[in-house]
Amino acid sequence: MSDISYINRISMSDKALMEKIGAFVKHHRLRQNKTQELLAEQAGISRSTLSLLERGETVTVLTLLQVLRVLDQLHILDVFQVHEPVSPIALAKMERNKRKRARKKGTQNQEWSEW
């Protein structure tokens, strides 16, 4: 993420951000040559709700998810993944516990079975 685009988004109003999301949805709908009616039907929402979304008006997150799913754009949610950092000490412990050698099959105490 570039610092300039991050700063621009920080300074944008909520309304402006919603309009940006609406423009994204509209762009991908038109790119797939879908009418509002068709996309709304596929997403299980009304055409007027889709129109509100595209204009940047208030809609639910569920509505946005339904539309993104139909547009095959759910990958944009990857930015919400949480990556927990691993401390160097924990990493060293995990490395120490890894197997370093294989054992011969006959060295373990196993009973002979016909299976």
PDB file of N, CA and C in Angstrom:
ATOM      1  N   MET A   1       0.856  -1.166   0.000  1.00  0.00           N
ATOM      2  CA  MET A   1       0.000   0.000   0.000  1.00  0.00           C
ATOM      3  C   MET A   1       0.902   1.228   0.000  1.00  0.00           C
ATOM      4  N   SER A   2       0.681   2.103  -0.921  1.00  0.00           N
ATOM      5  CA  SER A   2       1.509   3.306  -0.979  1.00  0.00           C
ATOM      6  C   SER A   2       1.029   4.304   0.071  1.00  0.00           C
ATOM      7  N   ASP A   3       1.970   5.079   0.567  1.00  0.00           N
ATOM      8  CA  ASP A   3       1.647   6.066   1.605  1.00  0.00           C
ATOM      9  C   ASP A   3       0.687   7.130   1.089  1.00  0.00           C
ATOM     10  N   ILE A   4       0.849   7.530  -0.162  1.00  0.00           N
ATOM     11  CA  ILE A   4      -0.002   8.584  -0.714  1.00  0.00           C
ATOM     12  C   ILE A   4      -1.457   8.139  -0.771  1.00  0.00           C
ATOM     13  N   SER A   5      -1.712   6.922  -1.278  1.00  0.00           N
ATOM     14  CA  SER A   5      -3.099   6.465  -1.363  1.00  0.00           C
ATOM     15  C   SER A   5      -3.687   6.260   0.031  1.00  0.00           C
ATOM     16  N   TYR A   6      -2.867   5.812   0.987  1.00  0.00           N
ATOM     17  CA  TYR A   6      -3.330   5.637   2.363  1.00  0.00           C
ATOM     18  C   TYR A   6      -3.727   6.982   2.959  1.00  0.00           C
ATOM     19  N   ILE A   7      -2.895   7.988   2.760  1.00  0.00           N
ATOM     20  CA  ILE A   7      -3.187   9.333   3.278  1.00  0.00           C
ATOM     21  C   ILE A   7      -4.454   9.878   2.628  1.00  0.00           C
ATOM     22  N   ASN A   8      -4.612   9.657   1.324  1.00  0.00           N
ATOM     23  CA  ASN A   8      -5.804  10.123   0.633  1.00  0.00           C
ATOM     24  C   ASN A   8      -7.061   9.480   1.213  1.00  0.00           C
ATOM     25  N   ARG A   9      -7.012   8.170   1.483  1.00  0.00           N
ATOM     26  CA  ARG A   9      -8.188   7.497   2.047  1.00  0.00           C
ATOM     27  C   ARG A   9      -8.486   7.979   3.461  1.00  0.00           C
ATOM     28  N   ILE A  10      -7.454   8.252   4.233  1.00  0.00           N
ATOM     29  CA  ILE A  10      -7.639   8.743   5.606  1.00  0.00           C
ATOM     30  C   ILE A  10      -8.372  10.081   5.589  1.00  0.00           C
ATOM     31  N   SER A  11      -8.050  10.929   4.623  1.00  0.00           N
ATOM     32  CA  SER A  11      -8.649  12.259   4.586  1.00  0.00           C
ATOM     33  C   SER A  11     -10.029  12.264   3.930  1.00  0.00           C
ATOM     34  N   MET A  12     -10.434  11.148   3.327  1.00  0.00           N
ATOM     35  CA  MET A  12     -11.741  11.088   2.667  1.00  0.00           C
ATOM     36  C   MET A  12     -12.855  10.928   3.689  1.00  0.00           C
ATOM     37  N   SER A  13     -14.001  11.500   3.380  1.00  0.00           N
ATOM     38  CA  SER A  13     -15.177  11.317   4.244  1.00  0.00           C
ATOM     39  C   SER A  13     -15.736   9.911   4.035  1.00  0.00           C
ATOM     40  N   ASP A  14     -16.579   9.481   4.965  1.00  0.00           N
ATOM     41  CA  ASP A  14     -17.221   8.174   4.836  1.00  0.00           C
ATOM     42  C   ASP A  14     -18.046   8.112   3.555  1.00  0.00           C
ATOM     43  N   LYS A  15     -18.722   9.195   3.239  1.00  0.00           N
ATOM     44  CA  LYS A  15     -19.537   9.273   2.023  1.00  0.00           C
ATOM     45  C   LYS A  15     -18.674   9.082   0.779  1.00  0.00           C
ATOM     46  N   ALA A  16     -17.511   9.715   0.756  1.00  0.00           N
ATOM     47  CA  ALA A  16     -16.604   9.591  -0.386  1.00  0.00           C
ATOM     48  C   ALA A  16     -16.084   8.163  -0.518  1.00  0.00           C
ATOM     49  N   LEU A  17     -15.808   7.520   0.604  1.00  0.00           N
ATOM     50  CA  LEU A  17     -15.359   6.127   0.574  1.00  0.00           C
ATOM     51  C   LEU A  17     -16.464   5.205   0.054  1.00  0.00           C
ATOM     52  N   MET A  18     -17.701   5.461   0.491  1.00  0.00           N
ATOM     53  CA  MET A  18     -18.826   4.667   0.002  1.00  0.00           C
ATOM     54  C   MET A  18     -19.012   4.858  -1.504  1.00  0.00           C
ATOM     55  N   GLU A  19     -18.827   6.081  -1.980  1.00  0.00           N
ATOM     56  CA  GLU A  19     -18.929   6.343  -3.412  1.00  0.00           C
ATOM     57  C   GLU A  19     -17.841   5.603  -4.183  1.00  0.00           C
ATOM     58  N   LYS A  20     -16.663   5.507  -3.591  1.00  0.00           N
ATOM     59  CA  LYS A  20     -15.558   4.773  -4.214  1.00  0.00           C
ATOM     60  C   LYS A  20     -15.901   3.288  -4.317  1.00  0.00           C
ATOM     61  N   ILE A  21     -16.500   2.736  -3.268  1.00  0.00           N
ATOM     62  CA  ILE A  21     -16.928   1.334  -3.287  1.00  0.00           C
ATOM     63  C   ILE A  21     -18.015   1.142  -4.337  1.00  0.00           C
ATOM     64  N   GLY A  22     -18.964   2.076  -4.390  1.00  0.00           N
ATOM     65  CA  GLY A  22     -20.032   1.998  -5.385  1.00  0.00           C
ATOM     66  C   GLY A  22     -19.490   2.042  -6.803  1.00  0.00           C
ATOM     67  N   ALA A  23     -18.502   2.885  -7.040  1.00  0.00           N
ATOM     68  CA  ALA A  23     -17.882   2.973  -8.365  1.00  0.00           C
ATOM     69  C   ALA A  23     -17.180   1.666  -8.720  1.00  0.00           C
ATOM     70  N   PHE A  24     -16.558   1.036  -7.727  1.00  0.00           N
ATOM     71  CA  PHE A  24     -15.905  -0.262  -7.929  1.00  0.00           C
ATOM     72  C   PHE A  24     -16.930  -1.310  -8.373  1.00  0.00           C
ATOM     73  N   VAL A  25     -18.052  -1.368  -7.654  1.00  0.00           N
ATOM     74  CA  VAL A  25     -19.107  -2.333  -7.980  1.00  0.00           C
ATOM     75  C   VAL A  25     -19.649  -2.067  -9.376  1.00  0.00           C
ATOM     76  N   LYS A  26     -19.946  -0.816  -9.668  1.00  0.00           N
ATOM     77  CA  LYS A  26     -20.502  -0.462 -10.982  1.00  0.00           C
ATOM     78  C   LYS A  26     -19.520  -0.803 -12.099  1.00  0.00           C
ATOM     79  N   HIS A  27     -18.250  -0.504 -11.900  1.00  0.00           N
ATOM     80  CA  HIS A  27     -17.221  -0.804 -12.895  1.00  0.00           C
ATOM     81  C   HIS A  27     -17.207  -2.293 -13.228  1.00  0.00           C
ATOM     82  N   HIS A  28     -17.196  -3.125 -12.194  1.00  0.00           N
ATOM     83  CA  HIS A  28     -17.119  -4.576 -12.429  1.00  0.00           C
ATOM     84  C   HIS A  28     -18.426  -5.131 -12.981  1.00  0.00           C
ATOM     85  N   ARG A  29     -19.534  -4.536 -12.620  1.00  0.00           N
ATOM     86  CA  ARG A  29     -20.817  -4.959 -13.195  1.00  0.00           C
ATOM     87  C   ARG A  29     -20.839  -4.680 -14.692  1.00  0.00           C
ATOM     88  N   LEU A  30     -20.440  -3.477 -15.070  1.00  0.00           N
ATOM     89  CA  LEU A  30     -20.433  -3.110 -16.486  1.00  0.00           C
ATOM     90  C   LEU A  30     -19.390  -3.904 -17.266  1.00  0.00           C
ATOM     91  N   ARG A  31     -18.272  -4.162 -16.631  1.00  0.00           N
ATOM     92  CA  ARG A  31     -17.217  -4.956 -17.279  1.00  0.00           C
ATOM     93  C   ARG A  31     -17.707  -6.364 -17.604  1.00  0.00           C
ATOM     94  N   GLN A  32     -18.586  -6.884 -16.754  1.00  0.00           N
ATOM     95  CA  GLN A  32     -19.157  -8.212 -16.988  1.00  0.00           C
ATOM     96  C   GLN A  32     -20.438  -8.132 -17.813  1.00  0.00           C
ATOM     97  N   ASN A  33     -20.762  -6.937 -18.270  1.00  0.00           N
ATOM     98  CA  ASN A  33     -21.933  -6.702 -19.116  1.00  0.00           C
ATOM     99  C   ASN A  33     -23.226  -7.188 -18.456  1.00  0.00           C
ATOM    100  N   LYS A  34     -23.383  -6.855 -17.180  1.00  0.00           N
ATOM    101  CA  LYS A  34     -24.586  -7.233 -16.443  1.00  0.00           C
ATOM    102  C   LYS A  34     -25.416  -5.988 -16.161  1.00  0.00           C
ATOM    103  N   THR A  35     -26.704  -6.130 -16.289  1.00  0.00           N
ATOM    104  CA  THR A  35     -27.592  -5.037 -15.926  1.00  0.00           C
ATOM    105  C   THR A  35     -27.747  -5.023 -14.410  1.00  0.00           C
ATOM    106  N   GLN A  36     -28.225  -3.895 -13.894  1.00  0.00           N
ATOM    107  CA  GLN A  36     -28.507  -3.839 -12.460  1.00  0.00           C
ATOM    108  C   GLN A  36     -29.538  -4.892 -12.090  1.00  0.00           C
ATOM    109  N   GLU A  37     -30.521  -5.050 -12.934  1.00  0.00           N
ATOM    110  CA  GLU A  37     -31.591  -6.026 -12.671  1.00  0.00           C
ATOM    111  C   GLU A  37     -31.017  -7.437 -12.541  1.00  0.00           C
ATOM    112  N   LEU A  38     -30.150  -7.827 -13.475  1.00  0.00           N
ATOM    113  CA  LEU A  38     -29.579  -9.176 -13.463  1.00  0.00           C
ATOM    114  C   LEU A  38     -28.686  -9.383 -12.241  1.00  0.00           C
ATOM    115  N   LEU A  39     -27.796  -8.440 -11.984  1.00  0.00           N
ATOM    116  CA  LEU A  39     -26.897  -8.571 -10.842  1.00  0.00           C
ATOM    117  C   LEU A  39     -27.680  -8.620  -9.535  1.00  0.00           C
ATOM    118  N   ALA A  40     -28.679  -7.774  -9.403  1.00  0.00           N
ATOM    119  CA  ALA A  40     -29.489  -7.751  -8.183  1.00  0.00           C
ATOM    120  C   ALA A  40     -30.190  -9.091  -7.991  1.00  0.00           C
ATOM    121  N   GLU A  41     -30.725  -9.632  -9.061  1.00  0.00           N
ATOM    122  CA  GLU A  41     -31.413 -10.930  -8.973  1.00  0.00           C
ATOM    123  C   GLU A  41     -30.434 -12.023  -8.562  1.00  0.00           C
ATOM    124  N   GLN A  42     -29.249 -12.037  -9.169  1.00  0.00           N
ATOM    125  CA  GLN A  42     -28.247 -13.058  -8.836  1.00  0.00           C
ATOM    126  C   GLN A  42     -27.753 -12.921  -7.399  1.00  0.00           C
ATOM    127  N   ALA A  43     -27.710 -11.696  -6.896  1.00  0.00           N
ATOM    128  CA  ALA A  43     -27.234 -11.453  -5.535  1.00  0.00           C
ATOM    129  C   ALA A  43     -28.337 -11.611  -4.496  1.00  0.00           C
ATOM    130  N   GLY A  44     -29.578 -11.722  -4.956  1.00  0.00           N
ATOM    131  CA  GLY A  44     -30.689 -11.883  -4.018  1.00  0.00           C
ATOM    132  C   GLY A  44     -31.088 -10.583  -3.335  1.00  0.00           C
ATOM    133  N   ILE A  45     -30.897  -9.471  -4.023  1.00  0.00           N
ATOM    134  CA  ILE A  45     -31.278  -8.169  -3.488  1.00  0.00           C
ATOM    135  C   ILE A  45     -32.154  -7.462  -4.514  1.00  0.00           C
ATOM    136  N   SER A  46     -32.735  -6.357  -4.119  1.00  0.00           N
ATOM    137  CA  SER A  46     -33.566  -5.604  -5.067  1.00  0.00           C
ATOM    138  C   SER A  46     -32.674  -4.716  -5.940  1.00  0.00           C
ATOM    139  N   ARG A  47     -33.194  -4.345  -7.094  1.00  0.00           N
ATOM    140  CA  ARG A  47     -32.454  -3.469  -7.994  1.00  0.00           C
ATOM    141  C   ARG A  47     -32.219  -2.115  -7.340  1.00  0.00           C
ATOM    142  N   SER A  48     -33.202  -1.642  -6.583  1.00  0.00           N
ATOM    143  CA  SER A  48     -33.044  -0.339  -5.929  1.00  0.00           C
ATOM    144  C   SER A  48     -31.934  -0.383  -4.874  1.00  0.00           C
ATOM    145  N   THR A  49     -31.753  -1.511  -4.195  1.00  0.00           N
ATOM    146  CA  THR A  49     -30.663  -1.643  -3.216  1.00  0.00           C
ATOM    147  C   THR A  49     -29.319  -1.613  -3.926  1.00  0.00           C
ATOM    148  N   LEU A  50     -29.235  -2.287  -5.069  1.00  0.00           N
ATOM    149  CA  LEU A  50     -27.992  -2.250  -5.849  1.00  0.00           C
ATOM    150  C   LEU A  50     -27.709  -0.830  -6.338  1.00  0.00           C
ATOM    151  N   SER A  51     -28.752  -0.134  -6.748  1.00  0.00           N
ATOM    152  CA  SER A  51     -28.594   1.248  -7.190  1.00  0.00           C
ATOM    153  C   SER A  51     -28.068   2.120  -6.052  1.00  0.00           C
ATOM    154  N   LEU A  52     -28.588   1.912  -4.845  1.00  0.00           N
ATOM    155  CA  LEU A  52     -28.094   2.650  -3.677  1.00  0.00           C
ATOM    156  C   LEU A  52     -26.605   2.376  -3.463  1.00  0.00           C
ATOM    157  N   LEU A  53     -26.216   1.113  -3.553  1.00  0.00           N
ATOM    158  CA  LEU A  53     -24.815   0.735  -3.368  1.00  0.00           C
ATOM    159  C   LEU A  53     -23.930   1.432  -4.401  1.00  0.00           C
ATOM    160  N   GLU A  54     -24.339   1.394  -5.657  1.00  0.00           N
ATOM    161  CA  GLU A  54     -23.533   1.995  -6.722  1.00  0.00           C
ATOM    162  C   GLU A  54     -23.443   3.516  -6.596  1.00  0.00           C
ATOM    163  N   ARG A  55     -24.428   4.134  -5.977  1.00  0.00           N
ATOM    164  CA  ARG A  55     -24.402   5.587  -5.775  1.00  0.00           C
ATOM    165  C   ARG A  55     -23.662   5.986  -4.495  1.00  0.00           C
ATOM    166  N   GLY A  56     -23.241   4.999  -3.720  1.00  0.00           N
ATOM    167  CA  GLY A  56     -22.512   5.295  -2.495  1.00  0.00           C
ATOM    168  C   GLY A  56     -23.397   5.562  -1.304  1.00  0.00           C
ATOM    169  N   GLU A  57     -24.637   5.128  -1.390  1.00  0.00           N
ATOM    170  CA  GLU A  57     -25.559   5.299  -0.257  1.00  0.00           C
ATOM    171  C   GLU A  57     -25.337   4.157   0.743  1.00  0.00           C
ATOM    172  N   THR A  58     -25.975   4.254   1.883  1.00  0.00           N
ATOM    173  CA  THR A  58     -25.801   3.273   2.939  1.00  0.00           C
ATOM    174  C   THR A  58     -26.497   1.957   2.608  1.00  0.00           C
ATOM    175  N   VAL A  59     -25.723   0.888   2.651  1.00  0.00           N
ATOM    176  CA  VAL A  59     -26.249  -0.477   2.517  1.00  0.00           C
ATOM    177  C   VAL A  59     -25.552  -1.328   3.573  1.00  0.00           C
ATOM    178  N   THR A  60     -26.051  -2.532   3.772  1.00  0.00           N
ATOM    179  CA  THR A  60     -25.443  -3.396   4.782  1.00  0.00           C
ATOM    180  C   THR A  60     -24.187  -4.062   4.220  1.00  0.00           C
ATOM    181  N   VAL A  61     -23.343  -4.501   5.124  1.00  0.00           N
ATOM    182  CA  VAL A  61     -22.145  -5.244   4.719  1.00  0.00           C
ATOM    183  C   VAL A  61     -22.562  -6.533   4.028  1.00  0.00           C
ATOM    184  N   LEU A  62     -23.632  -7.160   4.509  1.00  0.00           N
ATOM    185  CA  LEU A  62     -24.124  -8.391   3.891  1.00  0.00           C
ATOM    186  C   LEU A  62     -24.486  -8.152   2.431  1.00  0.00           C
ATOM    187  N   THR A  63     -25.131  -7.041   2.136  1.00  0.00           N
ATOM    188  CA  THR A  63     -25.480  -6.700   0.752  1.00  0.00           C
ATOM    189  C   THR A  63     -24.216  -6.572  -0.094  1.00  0.00           C
ATOM    190  N   LEU A  64     -23.222  -5.879   0.429  1.00  0.00           N
ATOM    191  CA  LEU A  64     -21.964  -5.727  -0.291  1.00  0.00           C
ATOM    192  C   LEU A  64     -21.326  -7.083  -0.557  1.00  0.00           C
ATOM    193  N   LEU A  65     -21.325  -7.960   0.440  1.00  0.00           N
ATOM    194  CA  LEU A  65     -20.739  -9.292   0.266  1.00  0.00           C
ATOM    195  C   LEU A  65     -21.480 -10.096  -0.802  1.00  0.00           C
ATOM    196  N   GLN A  66     -22.798 -10.022  -0.799  1.00  0.00           N
ATOM    197  CA  GLN A  66     -23.584 -10.746  -1.798  1.00  0.00           C
ATOM    198  C   GLN A  66     -23.237 -10.269  -3.210  1.00  0.00           C
ATOM    199  N   VAL A  67     -23.097  -8.974  -3.380  1.00  0.00           N
ATOM    200  CA  VAL A  67     -22.781  -8.410  -4.696  1.00  0.00           C
ATOM    201  C   VAL A  67     -21.353  -8.780  -5.102  1.00  0.00           C
ATOM    202  N   LEU A  68     -20.401  -8.658  -4.177  1.00  0.00           N
ATOM    203  CA  LEU A  68     -19.022  -9.019  -4.488  1.00  0.00           C
ATOM    204  C   LEU A  68     -18.899 -10.491  -4.862  1.00  0.00           C
ATOM    205  N   ARG A  69     -19.671 -11.349  -4.203  1.00  0.00           N
ATOM    206  CA  ARG A  69     -19.639 -12.777  -4.513  1.00  0.00           C
ATOM    207  C   ARG A  69     -20.089 -13.021  -5.950  1.00  0.00           C
ATOM    208  N   VAL A  70     -21.177 -12.403  -6.360  1.00  0.00           N
ATOM    209  CA  VAL A  70     -21.689 -12.585  -7.720  1.00  0.00           C
ATOM    210  C   VAL A  70     -20.707 -12.022  -8.742  1.00  0.00           C
ATOM    211  N   LEU A  71     -20.056 -10.921  -8.403  1.00  0.00           N
ATOM    212  CA  LEU A  71     -19.093 -10.314  -9.315  1.00  0.00           C
ATOM    213  C   LEU A  71     -17.731 -11.012  -9.283  1.00  0.00           C
ATOM    214  N   ASP A  72     -17.597 -12.037  -8.453  1.00  0.00           N
ATOM    215  CA  ASP A  72     -16.351 -12.783  -8.288  1.00  0.00           C
ATOM    216  C   ASP A  72     -15.219 -11.850  -7.843  1.00  0.00           C
ATOM    217  N   GLN A  73     -15.524 -11.012  -6.869  1.00  0.00           N
ATOM    218  CA  GLN A  73     -14.563 -10.039  -6.367  1.00  0.00           C
ATOM    219  C   GLN A  73     -14.303 -10.194  -4.859  1.00  0.00           C
ATOM    220  N   LEU A  74     -14.608 -11.351  -4.300  1.00  0.00           N
ATOM    221  CA  LEU A  74     -14.386 -11.547  -2.868  1.00  0.00           C
ATOM    222  C   LEU A  74     -12.908 -11.526  -2.487  1.00  0.00           C
ATOM    223  N   HIS A  75     -12.035 -11.676  -3.476  1.00  0.00           N
ATOM    224  CA  HIS A  75     -10.600 -11.665  -3.201  1.00  0.00           C
ATOM    225  C   HIS A  75     -10.146 -10.331  -2.590  1.00  0.00           C
ATOM    226  N   ILE A  76     -10.909  -9.272  -2.784  1.00  0.00           N
ATOM    227  CA  ILE A  76     -10.498  -7.989  -2.193  1.00  0.00           C
ATOM    228  C   ILE A  76     -10.568  -8.029  -0.669  1.00  0.00           C
ATOM    229  N   LEU A  77     -11.240  -9.021  -0.122  1.00  0.00           N
ATOM    230  CA  LEU A  77     -11.323  -9.150   1.334  1.00  0.00           C
ATOM    231  C   LEU A  77     -10.047  -9.745   1.927  1.00  0.00           C
ATOM    232  N   ASP A  78      -9.106 -10.143   1.075  1.00  0.00           N
ATOM    233  CA  ASP A  78      -7.838 -10.691   1.565  1.00  0.00           C
ATOM    234  C   ASP A  78      -7.093  -9.692   2.446  1.00  0.00           C
ATOM    235  N   VAL A  79      -7.329  -8.419   2.255  1.00  0.00           N
ATOM    236  CA  VAL A  79      -6.636  -7.412   3.070  1.00  0.00           C
ATOM    237  C   VAL A  79      -7.067  -7.488   4.539  1.00  0.00           C
ATOM    238  N   PHE A  80      -8.152  -8.183   4.824  1.00  0.00           N
ATOM    239  CA  PHE A  80      -8.621  -8.310   6.200  1.00  0.00           C
ATOM    240  C   PHE A  80      -7.992  -9.494   6.933  1.00  0.00           C
ATOM    241  N   GLN A  81      -7.115 -10.242   6.255  1.00  0.00           N
ATOM    242  CA  GLN A  81      -6.465 -11.366   6.914  1.00  0.00           C
ATOM    243  C   GLN A  81      -5.559 -10.863   8.030  1.00  0.00           C
ATOM    244  N   VAL A  82      -5.587 -11.567   9.138  1.00  0.00           N
ATOM    245  CA  VAL A  82      -4.752 -11.219  10.278  1.00  0.00           C
ATOM    246  C   VAL A  82      -3.540 -12.140  10.282  1.00  0.00           C
ATOM    247  N   HIS A  83      -2.371 -11.548  10.271  1.00  0.00           N
ATOM    248  CA  HIS A  83      -1.125 -12.312  10.314  1.00  0.00           C
ATOM    249  C   HIS A  83      -0.459 -12.059  11.657  1.00  0.00           C
ATOM    250  N   GLU A  84      -0.443 -13.090  12.479  1.00  0.00           N
ATOM    251  CA  GLU A  84       0.192 -12.963  13.785  1.00  0.00           C
ATOM    252  C   GLU A  84       1.697 -13.151  13.621  1.00  0.00           C
ATOM    253  N   PRO A  85       2.478 -12.199  14.083  1.00  0.00           N
ATOM    254  CA  PRO A  85       3.932 -12.355  13.980  1.00  0.00           C
ATOM    255  C   PRO A  85       4.412 -13.431  14.952  1.00  0.00           C
ATOM    256  N   VAL A  86       5.431 -14.158  14.539  1.00  0.00           N
ATOM    257  CA  VAL A  86       6.015 -15.189  15.385  1.00  0.00           C
ATOM    258  C   VAL A  86       7.291 -14.620  15.975  1.00  0.00           C
ATOM    259  N   SER A  87       7.408 -14.712  17.296  1.00  0.00           N
ATOM    260  CA  SER A  87       8.602 -14.170  17.952  1.00  0.00           C
ATOM    261  C   SER A  87       9.804 -15.041  17.601  1.00  0.00           C
ATOM    262  N   PRO A  88      10.984 -14.471  17.605  1.00  0.00           N
ATOM    263  CA  PRO A  88      12.194 -15.250  17.304  1.00  0.00           C
ATOM    264  C   PRO A  88      12.388 -16.431  18.255  1.00  0.00           C
ATOM    265  N   ILE A  89      12.002 -16.256  19.508  1.00  0.00           N
ATOM    266  CA  ILE A  89      12.149 -17.343  20.483  1.00  0.00           C
ATOM    267  C   ILE A  89      11.195 -18.486  20.145  1.00  0.00           C
ATOM    268  N   ALA A  90       9.938 -18.155  19.822  1.00  0.00           N
ATOM    269  CA  ALA A  90       8.971 -19.192  19.447  1.00  0.00           C
ATOM    270  C   ALA A  90       9.406 -19.893  18.168  1.00  0.00           C
ATOM    271  N   LEU A  91       9.945 -19.148  17.218  1.00  0.00           N
ATOM    272  CA  LEU A  91      10.429 -19.737  15.976  1.00  0.00           C
ATOM    273  C   LEU A  91      11.580 -20.699  16.255  1.00  0.00           C
ATOM    274  N   ALA A  92      12.491 -20.316  17.128  1.00  0.00           N
ATOM    275  CA  ALA A  92      13.618 -21.178  17.488  1.00  0.00           C
ATOM    276  C   ALA A  92      13.123 -22.456  18.156  1.00  0.00           C
ATOM    277  N   LYS A  93      12.103 -22.365  19.005  1.00  0.00           N
ATOM    278  CA  LYS A  93      11.547 -23.552  19.664  1.00  0.00           C
ATOM    279  C   LYS A  93      10.904 -24.485  18.653  1.00  0.00           C
ATOM    280  N   MET A  94      10.179 -23.907  17.680  1.00  0.00           N
ATOM    281  CA  MET A  94       9.556 -24.742  16.644  1.00  0.00           C
ATOM    282  C   MET A  94      10.619 -25.452  15.812  1.00  0.00           C
ATOM    283  N   GLU A  95      11.687 -24.760  15.489  1.00  0.00           N
ATOM    284  CA  GLU A  95      12.774 -25.356  14.713  1.00  0.00           C
ATOM    285  C   GLU A  95      13.446 -26.473  15.505  1.00  0.00           C
ATOM    286  N   ARG A  96      13.613 -26.269  16.806  1.00  0.00           N
ATOM    287  CA  ARG A  96      14.263 -27.275  17.643  1.00  0.00           C
ATOM    288  C   ARG A  96      13.429 -28.549  17.710  1.00  0.00           C
ATOM    289  N   ASN A  97      12.106 -28.420  17.678  1.00  0.00           N
ATOM    290  CA  ASN A  97      11.231 -29.583  17.793  1.00  0.00           C
ATOM    291  C   ASN A  97      11.008 -30.319  16.477  1.00  0.00           C
ATOM    292  N   LYS A  98      11.489 -29.783  15.373  1.00  0.00           N
ATOM    293  CA  LYS A  98      11.326 -30.451  14.087  1.00  0.00           C
ATOM    294  C   LYS A  98      12.201 -31.696  14.034  1.00  0.00           C
ATOM    295  N   ARG A  99      11.720 -32.705  13.327  1.00  0.00           N
ATOM    296  CA  ARG A  99      12.531 -33.910  13.139  1.00  0.00           C
ATOM    297  C   ARG A  99      13.695 -33.594  12.230  1.00  0.00           C
ATOM    298  N   LYS A 100      14.833 -34.118  12.595  1.00  0.00           N
ATOM    299  CA  LYS A 100      16.026 -33.853  11.811  1.00  0.00           C
ATOM    300  C   LYS A 100      16.514 -35.102  11.086  1.00  0.00           C
ATOM    301  N   ARG A 101      16.092 -36.274  11.571  1.00  0.00           N
ATOM    302  CA  ARG A 101      16.513 -37.534  10.969  1.00  0.00           C
ATOM    303  C   ARG A 101      15.351 -38.511  10.954  1.00  0.00           C
ATOM    304  N   ALA A 102      15.426 -39.437  10.027  1.00  0.00           N
ATOM    305  CA  ALA A 102      14.447 -40.520   9.972  1.00  0.00           C
ATOM    306  C   ALA A 102      15.015 -41.718  10.729  1.00  0.00           C
ATOM    307  N   ARG A 103      14.141 -42.516  11.303  1.00  0.00           N
ATOM    308  CA  ARG A 103      14.565 -43.722  12.011  1.00  0.00           C
ATOM    309  C   ARG A 103      14.369 -44.923  11.118  1.00  0.00           C
ATOM    310  N   LYS A 104      15.178 -45.940  11.379  1.00  0.00           N
ATOM    311  CA  LYS A 104      14.968 -47.197  10.678  1.00  0.00           C
ATOM    312  C   LYS A 104      13.674 -47.803  11.194  1.00  0.00           C
ATOM    313  N   LYS A 105      13.005 -48.538  10.341  1.00  0.00           N
ATOM    314  CA  LYS A 105      11.708 -49.082  10.724  1.00  0.00           C
ATOM    315  C   LYS A 105      11.803 -50.075  11.869  1.00  0.00           C
ATOM    316  N   GLY A 106      12.873 -50.782  11.998  1.00  0.00           N
ATOM    317  CA  GLY A 106      12.989 -51.812  13.018  1.00  0.00           C
ATOM    318  C   GLY A 106      13.379 -51.308  14.380  1.00  0.00           C
ATOM    319  N   THR A 107      13.655 -50.035  14.547  1.00  0.00           N
ATOM    320  CA  THR A 107      14.149 -49.536  15.833  1.00  0.00           C
ATOM    321  C   THR A 107      13.056 -49.223  16.825  1.00  0.00           C
ATOM    322  N   GLN A 108      11.827 -49.132  16.386  1.00  0.00           N
ATOM    323  CA  GLN A 108      10.745 -48.836  17.322  1.00  0.00           C
ATOM    324  C   GLN A 108      10.153 -50.138  17.848  1.00  0.00           C
ATOM    325  N   ASN A 109       9.634 -50.094  19.070  1.00  0.00           N
ATOM    326  CA  ASN A 109       9.009 -51.264  19.676  1.00  0.00           C
ATOM    327  C   ASN A 109       7.607 -51.418  19.144  1.00  0.00           C
ATOM    328  N   GLN A 110       7.475 -52.235  18.090  1.00  0.00           N
ATOM    329  CA  GLN A 110       6.178 -52.478  17.507  1.00  0.00           C
ATOM    330  C   GLN A 110       5.946 -53.976  17.458  1.00  0.00           C
ATOM    331  N   GLU A 111       4.719 -54.374  17.755  1.00  0.00           N
ATOM    332  CA  GLU A 111       4.392 -55.782  17.676  1.00  0.00           C
ATOM    333  C   GLU A 111       4.107 -56.147  16.241  1.00  0.00           C
ATOM    334  N   TRP A 112       4.467 -57.376  15.870  1.00  0.00           N
ATOM    335  CA  TRP A 112       4.234 -57.875  14.523  1.00  0.00           C
ATOM    336  C   TRP A 112       2.746 -58.148  14.348  1.00  0.00           C
ATOM    337  N   SER A 113       2.211 -57.727  13.227  1.00  0.00           N
ATOM    338  CA  SER A 113       0.783 -57.914  12.951  1.00  0.00           C
ATOM    339  C   SER A 113       0.626 -58.439  11.538  1.00  0.00           C
ATOM    340  N   GLU A 114      -0.364 -59.284  11.318  1.00  0.00           N
ATOM    341  CA  GLU A 114      -0.660 -59.825   9.996  1.00  0.00           C
ATOM    342  C   GLU A 114      -1.272 -58.775   9.089  1.00  0.00           C
ATOM    343  N   TRP A 115      -1.678 -57.680   9.633  1.00  0.00           N
ATOM    344  CA  TRP A 115      -2.325 -56.642   8.850  1.00  0.00           C
ATOM    345  C   TRP A 115      -1.322 -56.105   7.926  1.00  0.00           C
TER     346      TRP A 115
END
